[in-house]
Amino acid sequence: ALAKFTADGAQQRQLSQSFRFGPAIAAAANAWLYVVGTDMRLKG
């Protein structure tokens, strides 16, 4: 639904500061975010 509303002209913001884990796991997650093709990168 996020993609649908974005296509309809909704404004966009993001939350990238994770409170669940530290930088090491964030780096592992970011490797997959790169493959997924999103601009999001998590901060541990």
All heavy atoms as atom14 arrays in JSON, in Angstrom:
{
  "sequence": "ALAKFTADGAQQRQLSQSFRFGPAIAAAANAWLYVVGTDMRLKG",
  "atom14_mask": [
    [1, 1, 1, 1, 1, 0, 0, 0, 0, 0, 0, 0, 0, 0],
    [1, 1, 1, 1, 1, 1, 1, 1, 0, 0, 0, 0, 0, 0],
    [1, 1, 1, 1, 1, 0, 0, 0, 0, 0, 0, 0, 0, 0],
    [1, 1, 1, 1, 1, 1, 1, 1, 1, 0, 0, 0, 0, 0],
    [1, 1, 1, 1, 1, 1, 1, 1, 1, 1, 1, 0, 0, 0],
    [1, 1, 1, 1, 1, 1, 1, 0, 0, 0, 0, 0, 0, 0],
    [1, 1, 1, 1, 1, 0, 0, 0, 0, 0, 0, 0, 0, 0],
    [1, 1, 1, 1, 1, 1, 1, 1, 0, 0, 0, 0, 0, 0],
    [1, 1, 1, 1, 0, 0, 0, 0, 0, 0, 0, 0, 0, 0],
    [1, 1, 1, 1, 1, 0, 0, 0, 0, 0, 0, 0, 0, 0],
    [1, 1, 1, 1, 1, 1, 1, 1, 1, 0, 0, 0, 0, 0],
    [1, 1, 1, 1, 1, 1, 1, 1, 1, 0, 0, 0, 0, 0],
    [1, 1, 1, 1, 1, 1, 1, 1, 1, 1, 1, 0, 0, 0],
    [1, 1, 1, 1, 1, 1, 1, 1, 1, 0, 0, 0, 0, 0],
    [1, 1, 1, 1, 1, 1, 1, 1, 0, 0, 0, 0, 0, 0],
    [1, 1, 1, 1, 1, 1, 0, 0, 0, 0, 0, 0, 0, 0],
    [1, 1, 1, 1, 1, 1, 1, 1, 1, 0, 0, 0, 0, 0],
    [1, 1, 1, 1, 1, 1, 0, 0, 0, 0, 0, 0, 0, 0],
    [1, 1, 1, 1, 1, 1, 1, 1, 1, 1, 1, 0, 0, 0],
    [1, 1, 1, 1, 1, 1, 1, 1, 1, 1, 1, 0, 0, 0],
    [1, 1, 1, 1, 1, 1, 1, 1, 1, 1, 1, 0, 0, 0],
    [1, 1, 1, 1, 0, 0, 0, 0, 0, 0, 0, 0, 0, 0],
    [1, 1, 1, 1, 1, 1, 1, 0, 0, 0, 0, 0, 0, 0],
    [1, 1, 1, 1, 1, 0, 0, 0, 0, 0, 0, 0, 0, 0],
    [1, 1, 1, 1, 1, 1, 1, 1, 0, 0, 0, 0, 0, 0],
    [1, 1, 1, 1, 1, 0, 0, 0, 0, 0, 0, 0, 0, 0],
    [1, 1, 1, 1, 1, 0, 0, 0, 0, 0, 0, 0, 0, 0],
    [1, 1, 1, 1, 1, 0, 0, 0, 0, 0, 0, 0, 0, 0],
    [1, 1, 1, 1, 1, 0, 0, 0, 0, 0, 0, 0, 0, 0],
    [1, 1, 1, 1, 1, 1, 1, 1, 0, 0, 0, 0, 0, 0],
    [1, 1, 1, 1, 1, 0, 0, 0, 0, 0, 0, 0, 0, 0],
    [1, 1, 1, 1, 1, 1, 1, 1, 1, 1, 1, 1, 1, 1],
    [1, 1, 1, 1, 1, 1, 1, 1, 0, 0, 0, 0, 0, 0],
    [1, 1, 1, 1, 1, 1, 1, 1, 1, 1, 1, 1, 0, 0],
    [1, 1, 1, 1, 1, 1, 1, 0, 0, 0, 0, 0, 0, 0],
    [1, 1, 1, 1, 1, 1, 1, 0, 0, 0, 0, 0, 0, 0],
    [1, 1, 1, 1, 0, 0, 0, 0, 0, 0, 0, 0, 0, 0],
    [1, 1, 1, 1, 1, 1, 1, 0, 0, 0, 0, 0, 0, 0],
    [1, 1, 1, 1, 1, 1, 1, 1, 0, 0, 0, 0, 0, 0],
    [1, 1, 1, 1, 1, 1, 1, 1, 0, 0, 0, 0, 0, 0],
    [1, 1, 1, 1, 1, 1, 1, 1, 1, 1, 1, 0, 0, 0],
    [1, 1, 1, 1, 1, 1, 1, 1, 0, 0, 0, 0, 0, 0],
    [1, 1, 1, 1, 1, 1, 1, 1, 1, 0, 0, 0, 0, 0],
    [1, 1, 1, 1, 0, 0, 0, 0, 0, 0, 0, 0, 0, 0]
  ],
  "atom14_positions": [
    [[0.82, -1.2, 0.0], [0.0, 0.0, 0.0], [0.85, 1.25, 0.0], [0.42, 2.3, -0.5], [-0.93, -0.01, 1.22], [0.0, 0.0, 0.0], [0.0, 0.0, 0.0], [0.0, 0.0, 0.0], [0.0, 0.0, 0.0], [0.0, 0.0, 0.0], [0.0, 0.0, 0.0], [0.0, 0.0, 0.0], [0.0, 0.0, 0.0], [0.0, 0.0, 0.0]],
    [[2.07, 1.17, 0.55], [2.94, 2.34, 0.55], [3.27, 2.77, -0.88], [3.26, 3.96, -1.21], [4.24, 2.06, 1.32], [4.1, 1.82, 2.83], [4.05, 0.33, 3.13], [5.24, 2.46, 3.59], [0.0, 0.0, 0.0], [0.0, 0.0, 0.0], [0.0, 0.0, 0.0], [0.0, 0.0, 0.0], [0.0, 0.0, 0.0], [0.0, 0.0, 0.0]],
    [[3.55, 1.78, -1.74], [3.84, 2.09, -3.14], [2.62, 2.67, -3.83], [2.73, 3.6, -4.66], [4.31, 0.83, -3.86], [0.0, 0.0, 0.0], [0.0, 0.0, 0.0], [0.0, 0.0, 0.0], [0.0, 0.0, 0.0], [0.0, 0.0, 0.0], [0.0, 0.0, 0.0], [0.0, 0.0, 0.0], [0.0, 0.0, 0.0], [0.0, 0.0, 0.0]],
    [[1.43, 2.17, -3.5], [0.21, 2.67, -4.14], [-0.05, 4.12, -3.77], [-0.4, 4.95, -4.63], [-0.98, 1.8, -3.75], [-0.96, 0.4, -4.36], [-2.24, -0.33, -4.08], [-2.24, -1.69, -4.8], [-3.51, -2.4, -4.62], [0.0, 0.0, 0.0], [0.0, 0.0, 0.0], [0.0, 0.0, 0.0], [0.0, 0.0, 0.0], [0.0, 0.0, 0.0]],
    [[0.08, 4.46, -2.5], [-0.18, 5.83, -2.08], [0.92, 6.77, -2.56], [0.66, 7.94, -2.85], [-0.36, 5.9, -0.57], [-1.74, 5.55, -0.12], [-2.09, 4.25, 0.17], [-2.72, 6.54, -0.03], [-3.38, 3.92, 0.57], [-4.01, 6.23, 0.37], [-4.34, 4.91, 0.67], [0.0, 0.0, 0.0], [0.0, 0.0, 0.0], [0.0, 0.0, 0.0]],
    [[2.16, 6.26, -2.64], [3.24, 7.08, -3.21], [2.94, 7.42, -4.66], [3.1, 8.55, -5.11], [4.58, 6.33, -3.1], [4.89, 6.12, -1.72], [5.7, 7.13, -3.74], [0.0, 0.0, 0.0], [0.0, 0.0, 0.0], [0.0, 0.0, 0.0], [0.0, 0.0, 0.0], [0.0, 0.0, 0.0], [0.0, 0.0, 0.0], [0.0, 0.0, 0.0]],
    [[2.47, 6.42, -5.41], [2.13, 6.64, -6.82], [0.98, 7.64, -6.96], [0.89, 8.35, -7.97], [1.76, 5.32, -7.49], [0.0, 0.0, 0.0], [0.0, 0.0, 0.0], [0.0, 0.0, 0.0], [0.0, 0.0, 0.0], [0.0, 0.0, 0.0], [0.0, 0.0, 0.0], [0.0, 0.0, 0.0], [0.0, 0.0, 0.0], [0.0, 0.0, 0.0]],
    [[0.12, 7.72, -5.94], [-1.01, 8.65, -5.98], [-0.63, 10.05, -5.51], [-1.5, 10.93, -5.42], [-2.15, 8.13, -5.11], [-2.85, 6.92, -5.73], [-2.67, 6.7, -6.96], [-3.54, 6.2, -5.0], [0.0, 0.0, 0.0], [0.0, 0.0, 0.0], [0.0, 0.0, 0.0], [0.0, 0.0, 0.0], [0.0, 0.0, 0.0], [0.0, 0.0, 0.0]],
    [[0.67, 10.27, -5.19], [1.14, 11.6, -4.86], [1.32, 11.9, -3.39], [1.54, 13.06, -3.02], [0.0, 0.0, 0.0], [0.0, 0.0, 0.0], [0.0, 0.0, 0.0], [0.0, 0.0, 0.0], [0.0, 0.0, 0.0], [0.0, 0.0, 0.0], [0.0, 0.0, 0.0], [0.0, 0.0, 0.0], [0.0, 0.0, 0.0], [0.0, 0.0, 0.0]],
    [[1.22, 10.9, -2.51], [1.44, 11.15, -1.09], [2.88, 11.59, -0.85], [3.81, 11.15, -1.53], [1.13, 9.89, -0.29], [0.0, 0.0, 0.0], [0.0, 0.0, 0.0], [0.0, 0.0, 0.0], [0.0, 0.0, 0.0], [0.0, 0.0, 0.0], [0.0, 0.0, 0.0], [0.0, 0.0, 0.0], [0.0, 0.0, 0.0], [0.0, 0.0, 0.0]],
    [[3.07, 12.47, 0.14], [4.42, 12.85, 0.51], [5.08, 11.71, 1.26], [4.4, 10.84, 1.82], [4.41, 14.12, 1.35], [3.58, 14.05, 2.62], [3.57, 15.36, 3.38], [4.57, 16.07, 3.42], [2.44, 15.7, 4.0], [0.0, 0.0, 0.0], [0.0, 0.0, 0.0], [0.0, 0.0, 0.0], [0.0, 0.0, 0.0], [0.0, 0.0, 0.0]],
    [[6.42, 11.67, 1.29], [7.14, 10.54, 1.85], [8.14, 11.0, 2.91], [8.8, 12.03, 2.74], [7.91, 9.8, 0.75], [7.04, 9.29, -0.38], [7.88, 8.71, -1.5], [8.56, 7.7, -1.34], [7.87, 9.37, -2.65], [0.0, 0.0, 0.0], [0.0, 0.0, 0.0], [0.0, 0.0, 0.0], [0.0, 0.0, 0.0], [0.0, 0.0, 0.0]],
    [[8.23, 10.22, 3.97], [9.24, 10.4, 5.01], [9.74, 9.02, 5.41], [9.12, 8.01, 5.09], [8.68, 11.14, 6.22], [8.24, 12.57, 5.95], [9.4, 13.48, 5.62], [8.98, 14.87, 5.48], [8.51, 15.42, 4.37], [8.36, 14.66, 3.27], [8.15, 16.69, 4.32], [0.0, 0.0, 0.0], [0.0, 0.0, 0.0], [0.0, 0.0, 0.0]],
    [[10.84, 8.96, 6.15], [11.34, 7.65, 6.58], [11.89, 7.68, 8.0], [12.26, 8.74, 8.52], [12.42, 7.12, 5.62], [13.75, 7.82, 5.7], [14.81, 7.12, 4.83], [14.5, 6.4, 3.9], [16.07, 7.34, 5.16], [0.0, 0.0, 0.0], [0.0, 0.0, 0.0], [0.0, 0.0, 0.0], [0.0, 0.0, 0.0], [0.0, 0.0, 0.0]],
    [[11.89, 6.49, 8.62], [12.51, 6.27, 9.92], [13.59, 5.21, 9.72], [13.29, 4.09, 9.33], [11.48, 5.76, 10.94], [10.25, 6.63, 11.18], [9.27, 5.93, 12.12], [10.64, 7.99, 11.75], [0.0, 0.0, 0.0], [0.0, 0.0, 0.0], [0.0, 0.0, 0.0], [0.0, 0.0, 0.0], [0.0, 0.0, 0.0], [0.0, 0.0, 0.0]],
    [[14.84, 5.56, 9.96], [15.95, 4.63, 9.69], [16.78, 4.3, 10.93], [17.66, 3.45, 10.85], [16.87, 5.22, 8.61], [17.44, 6.45, 9.05], [0.0, 0.0, 0.0], [0.0, 0.0, 0.0], [0.0, 0.0, 0.0], [0.0, 0.0, 0.0], [0.0, 0.0, 0.0], [0.0, 0.0, 0.0], [0.0, 0.0, 0.0], [0.0, 0.0, 0.0]],
    [[16.49, 4.95, 12.06], [17.22, 4.67, 13.28], [16.59, 3.49, 14.01], [15.5, 3.59, 14.56], [17.23, 5.89, 14.21], [17.85, 5.65, 15.59], [19.3, 5.27, 15.52], [20.14, 6.08, 15.15], [19.63, 4.03, 15.89], [0.0, 0.0, 0.0], [0.0, 0.0, 0.0], [0.0, 0.0, 0.0], [0.0, 0.0, 0.0], [0.0, 0.0, 0.0]],
    [[17.27, 2.34, 13.96], [16.73, 1.16, 14.63], [17.09, 1.18, 16.1], [18.22, 1.53, 16.48], [17.27, -0.11, 13.98], [16.7, -1.25, 14.6], [0.0, 0.0, 0.0], [0.0, 0.0, 0.0], [0.0, 0.0, 0.0], [0.0, 0.0, 0.0], [0.0, 0.0, 0.0], [0.0, 0.0, 0.0], [0.0, 0.0, 0.0], [0.0, 0.0, 0.0]],
    [[16.14, 0.8, 16.93], [16.37, 0.69, 18.38], [16.45, -0.78, 18.81], [16.6, -1.07, 19.99], [15.24, 1.39, 19.13], [15.11, 2.85, 18.78], [14.17, 3.27, 17.85], [15.94, 3.79, 19.36], [14.05, 4.61, 17.51], [15.84, 5.14, 19.03], [14.9, 5.54, 18.1], [0.0, 0.0, 0.0], [0.0, 0.0, 0.0], [0.0, 0.0, 0.0]],
    [[16.36, -1.71, 17.85], [16.34, -3.14, 18.16], [17.74, -3.71, 18.28], [17.98, -4.58, 19.11], [15.58, -3.9, 17.07], [15.52, -5.41, 17.28], [14.71, -6.07, 16.19], [13.33, -5.57, 16.19], [12.49, -5.69, 15.18], [12.87, -6.27, 14.06], [11.26, -5.22, 15.27], [0.0, 0.0, 0.0], [0.0, 0.0, 0.0], [0.0, 0.0, 0.0]],
    [[18.67, -3.28, 17.45], [20.0, -3.87, 17.39], [21.05, -2.81, 17.1], [20.72, -1.66, 16.74], [20.06, -4.97, 16.32], [19.36, -4.62, 15.04], [19.85, -3.65, 14.17], [18.17, -5.25, 14.69], [19.19, -3.32, 13.0], [17.5, -4.93, 13.51], [18.02, -3.96, 12.67], [0.0, 0.0, 0.0], [0.0, 0.0, 0.0], [0.0, 0.0, 0.0]],
    [[22.31, -3.22, 17.26], [23.42, -2.3, 17.07], [23.93, -2.26, 15.63], [23.36, -2.86, 14.73], [0.0, 0.0, 0.0], [0.0, 0.0, 0.0], [0.0, 0.0, 0.0], [0.0, 0.0, 0.0], [0.0, 0.0, 0.0], [0.0, 0.0, 0.0], [0.0, 0.0, 0.0], [0.0, 0.0, 0.0], [0.0, 0.0, 0.0], [0.0, 0.0, 0.0]],
    [[25.06, -1.58, 15.41], [25.57, -1.36, 14.05], [25.92, -2.64, 13.29], [25.77, -2.69, 12.07], [26.82, -0.51, 14.29], [26.55, 0.21, 15.58], [25.79, -0.76, 16.41], [0.0, 0.0, 0.0], [0.0, 0.0, 0.0], [0.0, 0.0, 0.0], [0.0, 0.0, 0.0], [0.0, 0.0, 0.0], [0.0, 0.0, 0.0], [0.0, 0.0, 0.0]],
    [[26.39, -3.69, 13.97], [26.81, -4.9, 13.26], [25.63, -5.57, 12.56], [25.72, -5.94, 11.37], [27.48, -5.88, 14.22], [0.0, 0.0, 0.0], [0.0, 0.0, 0.0], [0.0, 0.0, 0.0], [0.0, 0.0, 0.0], [0.0, 0.0, 0.0], [0.0, 0.0, 0.0], [0.0, 0.0, 0.0], [0.0, 0.0, 0.0], [0.0, 0.0, 0.0]],
    [[24.51, -5.72, 13.26], [23.34, -6.33, 12.64], [22.72, -5.37, 11.62], [22.21, -5.81, 10.57], [22.32, -6.77, 13.71], [22.93, -7.89, 14.57], [21.01, -7.23, 13.08], [22.05, -8.37, 15.71], [0.0, 0.0, 0.0], [0.0, 0.0, 0.0], [0.0, 0.0, 0.0], [0.0, 0.0, 0.0], [0.0, 0.0, 0.0], [0.0, 0.0, 0.0]],
    [[22.8, -4.08, 11.89], [22.31, -3.11, 10.9], [23.08, -3.25, 9.59], [22.49, -3.15, 8.5], [22.44, -1.7, 11.45], [0.0, 0.0, 0.0], [0.0, 0.0, 0.0], [0.0, 0.0, 0.0], [0.0, 0.0, 0.0], [0.0, 0.0, 0.0], [0.0, 0.0, 0.0], [0.0, 0.0, 0.0], [0.0, 0.0, 0.0], [0.0, 0.0, 0.0]],
    [[24.38, -3.5, 9.68], [25.18, -3.67, 8.46], [24.74, -4.9, 7.68], [24.67, -4.89, 6.44], [26.66, -3.76, 8.82], [0.0, 0.0, 0.0], [0.0, 0.0, 0.0], [0.0, 0.0, 0.0], [0.0, 0.0, 0.0], [0.0, 0.0, 0.0], [0.0, 0.0, 0.0], [0.0, 0.0, 0.0], [0.0, 0.0, 0.0], [0.0, 0.0, 0.0]],
    [[24.44, -5.99, 8.4], [23.95, -7.21, 7.74], [22.61, -6.93, 7.06], [22.35, -7.4, 5.94], [23.82, -8.34, 8.74], [0.0, 0.0, 0.0], [0.0, 0.0, 0.0], [0.0, 0.0, 0.0], [0.0, 0.0, 0.0], [0.0, 0.0, 0.0], [0.0, 0.0, 0.0], [0.0, 0.0, 0.0], [0.0, 0.0, 0.0], [0.0, 0.0, 0.0]],
    [[21.75, -6.18, 7.72], [20.46, -5.83, 7.14], [20.64, -4.94, 5.9], [19.95, -5.11, 4.89], [19.59, -5.12, 8.17], [0.0, 0.0, 0.0], [0.0, 0.0, 0.0], [0.0, 0.0, 0.0], [0.0, 0.0, 0.0], [0.0, 0.0, 0.0], [0.0, 0.0, 0.0], [0.0, 0.0, 0.0], [0.0, 0.0, 0.0], [0.0, 0.0, 0.0]],
    [[21.58, -4.01, 5.97], [21.79, -3.09, 4.86], [22.29, -3.79, 3.61], [22.03, -3.35, 2.48], [22.75, -1.98, 5.27], [22.1, -0.98, 6.22], [20.88, -0.85, 6.26], [22.91, -0.29, 7.01], [0.0, 0.0, 0.0], [0.0, 0.0, 0.0], [0.0, 0.0, 0.0], [0.0, 0.0, 0.0], [0.0, 0.0, 0.0], [0.0, 0.0, 0.0]],
    [[23.03, -4.9, 3.79], [23.47, -5.67, 2.62], [22.26, -6.18, 1.85], [22.26, -6.2, 0.61], [24.36, -6.83, 3.07], [0.0, 0.0, 0.0], [0.0, 0.0, 0.0], [0.0, 0.0, 0.0], [0.0, 0.0, 0.0], [0.0, 0.0, 0.0], [0.0, 0.0, 0.0], [0.0, 0.0, 0.0], [0.0, 0.0, 0.0], [0.0, 0.0, 0.0]],
    [[21.21, -6.57, 2.57], [20.0, -7.05, 1.91], [19.15, -5.9, 1.38], [18.5, -6.03, 0.34], [19.2, -7.94, 2.86], [19.85, -9.27, 2.99], [20.58, -9.75, 4.02], [19.88, -10.29, 1.98], [21.06, -11.0, 3.74], [20.64, -11.36, 2.49], [19.33, -10.39, 0.71], [20.87, -12.51, 1.77], [19.55, -11.54, -0.02], [20.32, -12.6, 0.51]],
    [[19.16, -4.77, 2.07], [18.43, -3.61, 1.56], [19.02, -3.15, 0.22], [18.29, -2.7, -0.67], [18.46, -2.47, 2.58], [17.6, -2.68, 3.83], [17.83, -1.55, 4.82], [16.13, -2.78, 3.47], [0.0, 0.0, 0.0], [0.0, 0.0, 0.0], [0.0, 0.0, 0.0], [0.0, 0.0, 0.0], [0.0, 0.0, 0.0], [0.0, 0.0, 0.0]],
    [[20.33, -3.28, 0.08], [20.96, -2.96, -1.19], [20.45, -3.88, -2.3], [20.13, -3.44, -3.41], [22.48, -3.08, -1.06], [23.23, -2.9, -2.36], [23.46, -1.64, -2.89], [23.67, -4.01, -3.08], [24.13, -1.47, -4.09], [24.34, -3.87, -4.29], [24.57, -2.59, -4.79], [25.22, -2.44, -5.99], [0.0, 0.0, 0.0], [0.0, 0.0, 0.0]],
    [[20.34, -5.18, -1.98], [19.85, -6.14, -2.97], [18.38, -5.88, -3.29], [17.96, -5.95, -4.45], [20.05, -7.59, -2.46], [19.4, -8.59, -3.41], [21.54, -7.9, -2.3], [0.0, 0.0, 0.0], [0.0, 0.0, 0.0], [0.0, 0.0, 0.0], [0.0, 0.0, 0.0], [0.0, 0.0, 0.0], [0.0, 0.0, 0.0], [0.0, 0.0, 0.0]],
    [[17.59, -5.58, -2.27], [16.17, -5.29, -2.49], [15.99, -4.1, -3.43], [15.06, -4.05, -4.23], [15.47, -5.03, -1.14], [14.07, -4.45, -1.35], [15.38, -6.31, -0.33], [0.0, 0.0, 0.0], [0.0, 0.0, 0.0], [0.0, 0.0, 0.0], [0.0, 0.0, 0.0], [0.0, 0.0, 0.0], [0.0, 0.0, 0.0], [0.0, 0.0, 0.0]],
    [[16.92, -3.15, -3.34], [16.86, -2.01, -4.24], [16.21, -0.77, -3.65], [15.8, 0.13, -4.38], [0.0, 0.0, 0.0], [0.0, 0.0, 0.0], [0.0, 0.0, 0.0], [0.0, 0.0, 0.0], [0.0, 0.0, 0.0], [0.0, 0.0, 0.0], [0.0, 0.0, 0.0], [0.0, 0.0, 0.0], [0.0, 0.0, 0.0], [0.0, 0.0, 0.0]],
    [[16.15, -0.7, -2.34], [15.58, 0.48, -1.68], [16.68, 1.46, -1.29], [17.84, 1.08, -1.11], [14.8, 0.05, -0.43], [14.3, 1.21, 0.24], [15.69, -0.71, 0.55], [0.0, 0.0, 0.0], [0.0, 0.0, 0.0], [0.0, 0.0, 0.0], [0.0, 0.0, 0.0], [0.0, 0.0, 0.0], [0.0, 0.0, 0.0], [0.0, 0.0, 0.0]],
    [[16.3, 2.72, -1.13], [17.25, 3.74, -0.67], [17.44, 3.72, 0.84], [18.36, 4.35, 1.36], [16.77, 5.14, -1.09], [16.79, 5.32, -2.61], [17.6, 4.65, -3.26], [15.98, 6.12, -3.12], [0.0, 0.0, 0.0], [0.0, 0.0, 0.0], [0.0, 0.0, 0.0], [0.0, 0.0, 0.0], [0.0, 0.0, 0.0], [0.0, 0.0, 0.0]],
    [[16.57, 3.02, 1.54], [16.65, 2.96, 3.0], [17.95, 2.27, 3.44], [18.33, 1.24, 2.88], [15.46, 2.18, 3.56], [15.54, 1.84, 5.04], [15.02, 3.17, 6.11], [13.24, 3.1, 5.91], [0.0, 0.0, 0.0], [0.0, 0.0, 0.0], [0.0, 0.0, 0.0], [0.0, 0.0, 0.0], [0.0, 0.0, 0.0], [0.0, 0.0, 0.0]],
    [[18.63, 2.83, 4.42], [19.75, 2.18, 5.1], [19.55, 2.37, 6.6], [19.35, 3.5, 7.07], [21.1, 2.77, 4.67], [21.44, 2.56, 3.2], [21.66, 1.08, 2.87], [22.01, 0.91, 1.46], [21.14, 0.71, 0.48], [19.83, 0.68, 0.76], [21.54, 0.56, -0.77], [0.0, 0.0, 0.0], [0.0, 0.0, 0.0], [0.0, 0.0, 0.0]],
    [[19.63, 1.27, 7.35], [19.39, 1.32, 8.78], [20.62, 1.82, 9.53], [21.76, 1.51, 9.17], [19.01, -0.06, 9.3], [17.74, -0.7, 8.74], [17.47, -2.03, 9.42], [16.55, 0.24, 8.9], [0.0, 0.0, 0.0], [0.0, 0.0, 0.0], [0.0, 0.0, 0.0], [0.0, 0.0, 0.0], [0.0, 0.0, 0.0], [0.0, 0.0, 0.0]],
    [[20.37, 2.57, 10.59], [21.42, 2.98, 11.52], [21.24, 2.16, 12.8], [20.16, 2.21, 13.42], [21.34, 4.47, 11.8], [21.58, 5.35, 10.58], [21.66, 6.81, 10.94], [20.29, 7.39, 11.26], [19.48, 7.62, 10.04], [0.0, 0.0, 0.0], [0.0, 0.0, 0.0], [0.0, 0.0, 0.0], [0.0, 0.0, 0.0], [0.0, 0.0, 0.0]],
    [[22.27, 1.42, 13.19], [22.18, 0.63, 14.41], [22.23, 1.5, 15.64], [22.82, 2.59, 15.63], [0.0, 0.0, 0.0], [0.0, 0.0, 0.0], [0.0, 0.0, 0.0], [0.0, 0.0, 0.0], [0.0, 0.0, 0.0], [0.0, 0.0, 0.0], [0.0, 0.0, 0.0], [0.0, 0.0, 0.0], [0.0, 0.0, 0.0], [0.0, 0.0, 0.0]]
  ]
}
